[in-house]
Amino acid sequence: MTREVTVPNSAELVESFWNEVWNAHNADAADDFVVEDFVITNAGVRIEGRENFKAWIRAFLEQVHDLELEIVETFQNHDGSRVASRWNVHGRNNGVLGSEPDGRPISFSGTAVWEIAGGKLVHNHVERASYELHQRLNAA
């Protein structure tokens, strides 16, 4: 007899997070997705705790007006405990990366690797094309 194994669809959880938090510009919606002691590691810097993470989201949204996160691809490992995704962000510059807020259209790519447990996001490791964006923003 073959036993059916149910694997959580963690990839859908991550895509819902992207849409309901980032694309909806709603940092408070993170409450529905992340654990209280959530950690994001972004460019080697750890931000610990859900409230600190939400503050970081708000600050980022303030620096990139009209932010739209385009999901390129999302996939999970065999048991749903890890998810990887590639994405592109589009918006208007309002001081991102310490630049002069000038409203110029900006775009950059990134990747995220998520740890998931109990149907919640636990840790996110993010890398984004910040150097390339910085170069474009500071070009004469």
N, C-alpha and C. Protein backbone atom coordinates (compact mmCIF):
# COMPACT_ATOMS: atom_id res chain seq x y z
N MET A 1 0.84 -1.17 0.00
CA MET A 1 0.00 0.00 0.00
C MET A 1 0.89 1.25 0.00
N THR A 2 0.59 2.18 -0.89
CA THR A 2 1.35 3.42 -0.98
C THR A 2 0.74 4.46 -0.06
N ARG A 3 1.59 5.08 0.71
CA ARG A 3 1.14 6.12 1.64
C ARG A 3 1.31 7.48 0.96
N GLU A 4 0.30 8.32 1.03
CA GLU A 4 0.37 9.66 0.47
C GLU A 4 0.96 10.60 1.51
N VAL A 5 1.97 11.32 1.10
CA VAL A 5 2.63 12.27 1.99
C VAL A 5 2.22 13.67 1.58
N THR A 6 1.77 14.44 2.54
CA THR A 6 1.39 15.82 2.27
C THR A 6 2.56 16.74 2.62
N VAL A 7 3.02 17.48 1.64
CA VAL A 7 4.11 18.43 1.85
C VAL A 7 3.50 19.83 1.83
N PRO A 8 3.82 20.66 2.82
CA PRO A 8 3.26 22.01 2.82
C PRO A 8 3.72 22.78 1.59
N ASN A 9 2.84 23.61 1.04
CA ASN A 9 3.24 24.39 -0.11
C ASN A 9 3.85 25.70 0.38
N SER A 10 5.09 25.59 0.76
CA SER A 10 5.82 26.73 1.29
C SER A 10 6.10 27.77 0.21
N ALA A 11 6.24 27.34 -1.04
CA ALA A 11 6.46 28.29 -2.13
C ALA A 11 5.26 29.23 -2.25
N GLU A 12 4.05 28.70 -2.11
CA GLU A 12 2.86 29.55 -2.14
C GLU A 12 2.83 30.51 -0.96
N LEU A 13 3.28 30.06 0.21
CA LEU A 13 3.35 30.93 1.38
C LEU A 13 4.26 32.12 1.10
N VAL A 14 5.43 31.87 0.53
CA VAL A 14 6.37 32.94 0.22
C VAL A 14 5.79 33.89 -0.81
N GLU A 15 5.17 33.36 -1.86
CA GLU A 15 4.59 34.24 -2.88
C GLU A 15 3.45 35.07 -2.30
N SER A 16 2.67 34.50 -1.41
CA SER A 16 1.62 35.28 -0.74
C SER A 16 2.23 36.38 0.10
N PHE A 17 3.33 36.08 0.79
CA PHE A 17 4.03 37.10 1.56
C PHE A 17 4.47 38.24 0.65
N TRP A 18 5.12 37.93 -0.47
CA TRP A 18 5.55 38.99 -1.40
C TRP A 18 4.37 39.87 -1.80
N ASN A 19 3.26 39.23 -2.14
CA ASN A 19 2.12 40.00 -2.64
C ASN A 19 1.39 40.77 -1.54
N GLU A 20 1.16 40.14 -0.41
CA GLU A 20 0.35 40.77 0.63
C GLU A 20 1.12 41.76 1.50
N VAL A 21 2.43 41.63 1.54
CA VAL A 21 3.24 42.58 2.31
C VAL A 21 3.88 43.60 1.38
N TRP A 22 4.74 43.16 0.49
CA TRP A 22 5.49 44.09 -0.35
C TRP A 22 4.63 44.73 -1.43
N ASN A 23 3.92 43.95 -2.23
CA ASN A 23 3.15 44.55 -3.31
C ASN A 23 1.94 45.33 -2.81
N ALA A 24 1.43 44.97 -1.64
CA ALA A 24 0.32 45.72 -1.04
C ALA A 24 0.82 46.89 -0.20
N HIS A 25 2.14 47.00 -0.04
CA HIS A 25 2.75 48.07 0.78
C HIS A 25 2.18 48.05 2.18
N ASN A 26 2.09 46.85 2.77
CA ASN A 26 1.44 46.66 4.06
C ASN A 26 2.35 45.87 5.00
N ALA A 27 3.25 46.57 5.67
CA ALA A 27 4.19 45.91 6.59
C ALA A 27 3.47 45.14 7.68
N ASP A 28 2.33 45.63 8.14
CA ASP A 28 1.60 44.96 9.22
C ASP A 28 1.10 43.58 8.82
N ALA A 29 0.93 43.34 7.52
CA ALA A 29 0.50 42.01 7.07
C ALA A 29 1.55 40.95 7.36
N ALA A 30 2.78 41.36 7.65
CA ALA A 30 3.83 40.40 8.00
C ALA A 30 3.43 39.59 9.23
N ASP A 31 2.58 40.15 10.09
CA ASP A 31 2.11 39.43 11.28
C ASP A 31 1.50 38.08 10.91
N ASP A 32 0.88 38.00 9.74
CA ASP A 32 0.22 36.77 9.31
C ASP A 32 1.19 35.73 8.76
N PHE A 33 2.43 36.12 8.51
CA PHE A 33 3.36 35.25 7.81
C PHE A 33 4.59 34.86 8.61
N VAL A 34 5.07 35.73 9.48
CA VAL A 34 6.36 35.48 10.13
C VAL A 34 6.20 35.22 11.62
N VAL A 35 7.13 34.44 12.17
CA VAL A 35 7.12 34.16 13.61
C VAL A 35 7.55 35.42 14.37
N GLU A 36 7.24 35.45 15.66
CA GLU A 36 7.57 36.61 16.50
C GLU A 36 9.07 36.89 16.51
N ASP A 37 9.89 35.84 16.55
CA ASP A 37 11.34 36.04 16.60
C ASP A 37 11.99 35.87 15.22
N PHE A 38 11.28 36.30 14.20
CA PHE A 38 11.75 36.25 12.81
C PHE A 38 13.10 36.95 12.67
N VAL A 39 13.92 36.43 11.77
CA VAL A 39 15.22 37.04 11.46
C VAL A 39 15.34 37.19 9.95
N ILE A 40 15.79 38.36 9.52
CA ILE A 40 16.18 38.56 8.13
C ILE A 40 17.66 38.91 8.14
N THR A 41 18.40 38.24 7.27
CA THR A 41 19.81 38.57 7.07
C THR A 41 19.91 39.18 5.69
N ASN A 42 20.20 40.46 5.65
CA ASN A 42 20.21 41.23 4.41
C ASN A 42 21.60 41.85 4.25
N ALA A 43 22.32 41.43 3.22
CA ALA A 43 23.67 41.94 2.97
C ALA A 43 24.56 41.76 4.21
N GLY A 44 24.39 40.64 4.90
CA GLY A 44 25.21 40.33 6.06
C GLY A 44 24.76 40.95 7.36
N VAL A 45 23.71 41.74 7.34
CA VAL A 45 23.19 42.40 8.55
C VAL A 45 21.94 41.65 9.01
N ARG A 46 21.93 41.29 10.30
CA ARG A 46 20.77 40.58 10.87
C ARG A 46 19.80 41.59 11.49
N ILE A 47 18.54 41.45 11.13
CA ILE A 47 17.46 42.21 11.76
C ILE A 47 16.62 41.18 12.48
N GLU A 48 16.50 41.31 13.79
CA GLU A 48 15.86 40.29 14.60
C GLU A 48 14.55 40.80 15.19
N GLY A 49 13.54 39.95 15.12
CA GLY A 49 12.24 40.25 15.70
C GLY A 49 11.26 40.78 14.66
N ARG A 50 10.02 40.35 14.78
CA ARG A 50 9.00 40.73 13.81
C ARG A 50 8.78 42.24 13.76
N GLU A 51 8.74 42.90 14.91
CA GLU A 51 8.50 44.36 14.90
C GLU A 51 9.65 45.10 14.23
N ASN A 52 10.89 44.68 14.47
CA ASN A 52 12.03 45.31 13.80
C ASN A 52 11.98 45.05 12.30
N PHE A 53 11.56 43.86 11.91
CA PHE A 53 11.42 43.53 10.50
C PHE A 53 10.37 44.42 9.85
N LYS A 54 9.25 44.62 10.51
CA LYS A 54 8.20 45.48 9.95
C LYS A 54 8.69 46.92 9.82
N ALA A 55 9.47 47.39 10.78
CA ALA A 55 10.04 48.75 10.70
C ALA A 55 10.99 48.84 9.51
N TRP A 56 11.77 47.78 9.28
CA TRP A 56 12.68 47.75 8.14
C TRP A 56 11.90 47.79 6.82
N ILE A 57 10.80 47.04 6.75
CA ILE A 57 9.96 47.06 5.55
C ILE A 57 9.44 48.47 5.31
N ARG A 58 8.90 49.11 6.35
CA ARG A 58 8.37 50.47 6.20
C ARG A 58 9.44 51.43 5.69
N ALA A 59 10.63 51.34 6.26
CA ALA A 59 11.72 52.23 5.84
C ALA A 59 12.08 51.99 4.38
N PHE A 60 12.11 50.73 3.97
CA PHE A 60 12.45 50.42 2.59
C PHE A 60 11.36 50.93 1.64
N LEU A 61 10.11 50.73 2.01
CA LEU A 61 9.01 51.21 1.17
C LEU A 61 9.04 52.73 1.05
N GLU A 62 9.51 53.41 2.07
CA GLU A 62 9.63 54.87 2.02
C GLU A 62 10.73 55.30 1.04
N GLN A 63 11.73 54.46 0.86
CA GLN A 63 12.84 54.78 -0.03
C GLN A 63 12.58 54.40 -1.49
N VAL A 64 11.62 53.51 -1.71
CA VAL A 64 11.26 53.09 -3.07
C VAL A 64 9.76 53.28 -3.22
N HIS A 65 9.38 54.42 -3.76
CA HIS A 65 7.96 54.69 -3.95
C HIS A 65 7.39 53.84 -5.07
N ASP A 66 6.12 53.53 -4.95
CA ASP A 66 5.40 52.72 -5.95
C ASP A 66 6.07 51.37 -6.18
N LEU A 67 6.64 50.80 -5.12
CA LEU A 67 7.36 49.54 -5.23
C LEU A 67 6.45 48.44 -5.77
N GLU A 68 7.00 47.70 -6.72
CA GLU A 68 6.34 46.49 -7.24
C GLU A 68 7.37 45.38 -7.25
N LEU A 69 7.08 44.29 -6.57
CA LEU A 69 7.97 43.14 -6.55
C LEU A 69 7.44 42.12 -7.54
N GLU A 70 8.21 41.88 -8.57
CA GLU A 70 7.86 40.92 -9.63
C GLU A 70 8.52 39.58 -9.29
N ILE A 71 7.74 38.57 -9.08
CA ILE A 71 8.26 37.24 -8.77
C ILE A 71 8.73 36.59 -10.07
N VAL A 72 10.00 36.20 -10.12
CA VAL A 72 10.55 35.54 -11.30
C VAL A 72 10.35 34.03 -11.19
N GLU A 73 10.76 33.47 -10.06
CA GLU A 73 10.53 32.04 -9.81
C GLU A 73 10.65 31.77 -8.32
N THR A 74 9.93 30.75 -7.88
CA THR A 74 9.94 30.34 -6.48
C THR A 74 9.88 28.81 -6.46
N PHE A 75 10.71 28.20 -5.65
CA PHE A 75 10.66 26.74 -5.52
C PHE A 75 11.08 26.34 -4.12
N GLN A 76 10.67 25.14 -3.73
CA GLN A 76 10.94 24.66 -2.37
C GLN A 76 11.65 23.33 -2.41
N ASN A 77 12.25 22.97 -1.26
CA ASN A 77 12.90 21.67 -1.15
C ASN A 77 11.84 20.59 -0.91
N HIS A 78 12.30 19.36 -0.72
CA HIS A 78 11.41 18.19 -0.66
C HIS A 78 10.40 18.24 0.48
N ASP A 79 10.74 18.85 1.61
CA ASP A 79 9.80 18.85 2.74
C ASP A 79 9.19 20.22 3.04
N GLY A 80 9.48 21.21 2.21
CA GLY A 80 8.89 22.53 2.40
C GLY A 80 9.55 23.37 3.48
N SER A 81 10.67 22.92 4.02
CA SER A 81 11.33 23.68 5.08
C SER A 81 12.23 24.79 4.55
N ARG A 82 12.51 24.78 3.24
CA ARG A 82 13.32 25.81 2.60
C ARG A 82 12.65 26.21 1.29
N VAL A 83 12.70 27.51 1.03
CA VAL A 83 12.18 28.04 -0.23
C VAL A 83 13.22 29.02 -0.78
N ALA A 84 13.42 28.98 -2.08
CA ALA A 84 14.28 29.96 -2.74
C ALA A 84 13.43 30.71 -3.76
N SER A 85 13.69 31.99 -3.89
CA SER A 85 12.97 32.75 -4.90
C SER A 85 13.87 33.82 -5.50
N ARG A 86 13.61 34.07 -6.78
CA ARG A 86 14.26 35.18 -7.49
C ARG A 86 13.18 36.19 -7.81
N TRP A 87 13.54 37.47 -7.75
CA TRP A 87 12.55 38.52 -7.95
C TRP A 87 13.21 39.78 -8.50
N ASN A 88 12.39 40.65 -9.03
CA ASN A 88 12.82 41.97 -9.48
C ASN A 88 11.95 43.00 -8.76
N VAL A 89 12.56 44.09 -8.36
CA VAL A 89 11.83 45.20 -7.75
C VAL A 89 11.87 46.37 -8.71
N HIS A 90 10.72 47.01 -8.88
CA HIS A 90 10.59 48.20 -9.71
C HIS A 90 9.93 49.28 -8.85
N GLY A 91 10.29 50.51 -9.08
CA GLY A 91 9.67 51.61 -8.34
C GLY A 91 10.33 52.93 -8.71
N ARG A 92 10.15 53.91 -7.83
CA ARG A 92 10.73 55.25 -8.04
C ARG A 92 11.65 55.57 -6.87
N ASN A 93 12.80 56.13 -7.19
CA ASN A 93 13.80 56.44 -6.18
C ASN A 93 13.34 57.56 -5.24
N ASN A 94 13.34 57.23 -3.95
CA ASN A 94 13.08 58.24 -2.93
C ASN A 94 14.18 58.18 -1.86
N GLY A 95 15.42 58.02 -2.34
CA GLY A 95 16.55 58.00 -1.42
C GLY A 95 17.11 56.63 -1.13
N VAL A 96 16.80 55.64 -1.95
CA VAL A 96 17.32 54.30 -1.73
C VAL A 96 18.85 54.31 -1.78
N LEU A 97 19.47 53.54 -0.92
CA LEU A 97 20.92 53.41 -0.83
C LEU A 97 21.60 54.76 -0.58
N GLY A 98 20.91 55.66 0.10
CA GLY A 98 21.49 56.95 0.44
C GLY A 98 21.56 57.93 -0.72
N SER A 99 20.88 57.63 -1.81
CA SER A 99 20.92 58.51 -2.98
C SER A 99 20.00 59.71 -2.77
N GLU A 100 20.15 60.68 -3.65
CA GLU A 100 19.28 61.85 -3.63
C GLU A 100 17.89 61.42 -4.10
N PRO A 101 16.84 61.70 -3.33
CA PRO A 101 15.47 61.34 -3.77
C PRO A 101 15.09 62.16 -5.00
N ASP A 102 14.98 61.51 -6.14
CA ASP A 102 14.72 62.25 -7.38
C ASP A 102 13.54 61.69 -8.18
N GLY A 103 12.90 60.63 -7.69
CA GLY A 103 11.74 60.09 -8.38
C GLY A 103 12.05 59.30 -9.63
N ARG A 104 13.33 59.10 -9.94
CA ARG A 104 13.68 58.33 -11.14
C ARG A 104 13.19 56.89 -11.02
N PRO A 105 12.79 56.29 -12.13
CA PRO A 105 12.45 54.87 -12.11
C PRO A 105 13.70 54.05 -11.77
N ILE A 106 13.52 53.05 -10.92
CA ILE A 106 14.61 52.15 -10.57
C ILE A 106 14.13 50.71 -10.67
N SER A 107 15.07 49.83 -10.89
CA SER A 107 14.80 48.39 -10.89
C SER A 107 16.05 47.69 -10.41
N PHE A 108 15.87 46.59 -9.70
CA PHE A 108 16.99 45.75 -9.30
C PHE A 108 16.48 44.35 -9.05
N SER A 109 17.39 43.39 -9.14
CA SER A 109 17.03 41.99 -8.93
C SER A 109 17.51 41.53 -7.57
N GLY A 110 16.97 40.40 -7.13
CA GLY A 110 17.39 39.84 -5.85
C GLY A 110 17.00 38.39 -5.73
N THR A 111 17.55 37.78 -4.70
CA THR A 111 17.21 36.40 -4.36
C THR A 111 16.94 36.33 -2.86
N ALA A 112 16.12 35.39 -2.48
CA ALA A 112 15.82 35.16 -1.07
C ALA A 112 15.77 33.66 -0.82
N VAL A 113 16.36 33.25 0.27
CA VAL A 113 16.28 31.86 0.72
C VAL A 113 15.62 31.89 2.09
N TRP A 114 14.52 31.18 2.21
CA TRP A 114 13.67 31.21 3.40
C TRP A 114 13.77 29.91 4.18
N GLU A 115 13.71 30.02 5.49
CA GLU A 115 13.50 28.87 6.38
C GLU A 115 12.06 28.95 6.85
N ILE A 116 11.35 27.82 6.80
CA ILE A 116 9.94 27.78 7.15
C ILE A 116 9.70 26.65 8.14
N ALA A 117 8.90 26.93 9.16
CA ALA A 117 8.54 25.90 10.14
C ALA A 117 7.13 26.18 10.63
N GLY A 118 6.34 25.14 10.74
CA GLY A 118 4.98 25.28 11.25
C GLY A 118 4.11 26.23 10.44
N GLY A 119 4.36 26.30 9.13
CA GLY A 119 3.56 27.16 8.27
C GLY A 119 3.88 28.64 8.39
N LYS A 120 5.01 28.98 9.01
CA LYS A 120 5.40 30.38 9.18
C LYS A 120 6.83 30.58 8.68
N LEU A 121 7.12 31.80 8.27
CA LEU A 121 8.46 32.18 7.84
C LEU A 121 9.30 32.45 9.09
N VAL A 122 10.48 31.82 9.15
CA VAL A 122 11.33 31.88 10.33
C VAL A 122 12.57 32.74 10.08
N HIS A 123 13.21 32.55 8.93
CA HIS A 123 14.45 33.27 8.62
C HIS A 123 14.50 33.50 7.12
N ASN A 124 14.97 34.67 6.72
CA ASN A 124 15.11 35.01 5.32
C ASN A 124 16.52 35.52 5.09
N HIS A 125 17.23 34.91 4.15
CA HIS A 125 18.55 35.37 3.72
C HIS A 125 18.35 36.05 2.37
N VAL A 126 18.66 37.35 2.29
CA VAL A 126 18.40 38.13 1.08
C VAL A 126 19.70 38.66 0.50
N GLU A 127 19.82 38.57 -0.80
CA GLU A 127 20.88 39.25 -1.54
C GLU A 127 20.20 39.99 -2.68
N ARG A 128 20.64 41.21 -2.90
CA ARG A 128 20.05 41.99 -3.99
C ARG A 128 21.17 42.73 -4.72
N ALA A 129 20.88 43.16 -5.92
CA ALA A 129 21.87 43.81 -6.79
C ALA A 129 22.06 45.27 -6.38
N SER A 130 22.46 45.49 -5.14
CA SER A 130 22.61 46.85 -4.61
C SER A 130 23.76 47.60 -5.27
N TYR A 131 24.86 46.91 -5.50
CA TYR A 131 26.02 47.58 -6.11
C TYR A 131 25.64 48.14 -7.48
N GLU A 132 25.00 47.32 -8.28
CA GLU A 132 24.61 47.76 -9.63
C GLU A 132 23.61 48.90 -9.56
N LEU A 133 22.66 48.83 -8.64
CA LEU A 133 21.70 49.92 -8.47
C LEU A 133 22.42 51.19 -8.03
N HIS A 134 23.33 51.08 -7.09
CA HIS A 134 24.11 52.23 -6.61
C HIS A 134 24.87 52.87 -7.77
N GLN A 135 25.49 52.05 -8.61
CA GLN A 135 26.22 52.57 -9.77
C GLN A 135 25.29 53.35 -10.70
N ARG A 136 24.11 52.81 -10.97
CA ARG A 136 23.17 53.50 -11.86
C ARG A 136 22.68 54.81 -11.25
N LEU A 137 22.40 54.80 -9.95
CA LEU A 137 21.90 56.01 -9.29
C LEU A 137 22.94 57.12 -9.26
N ASN A 138 24.20 56.75 -9.23
CA ASN A 138 25.27 57.75 -9.12
C ASN A 138 25.97 58.04 -10.43
N ALA A 139 25.46 57.49 -11.53
CA ALA A 139 26.05 57.78 -12.84
C ALA A 139 25.73 59.23 -13.22
N ALA A 140 26.67 59.86 -13.86
CA ALA A 140 26.48 61.28 -14.24
C ALA A 140 25.50 61.43 -15.37
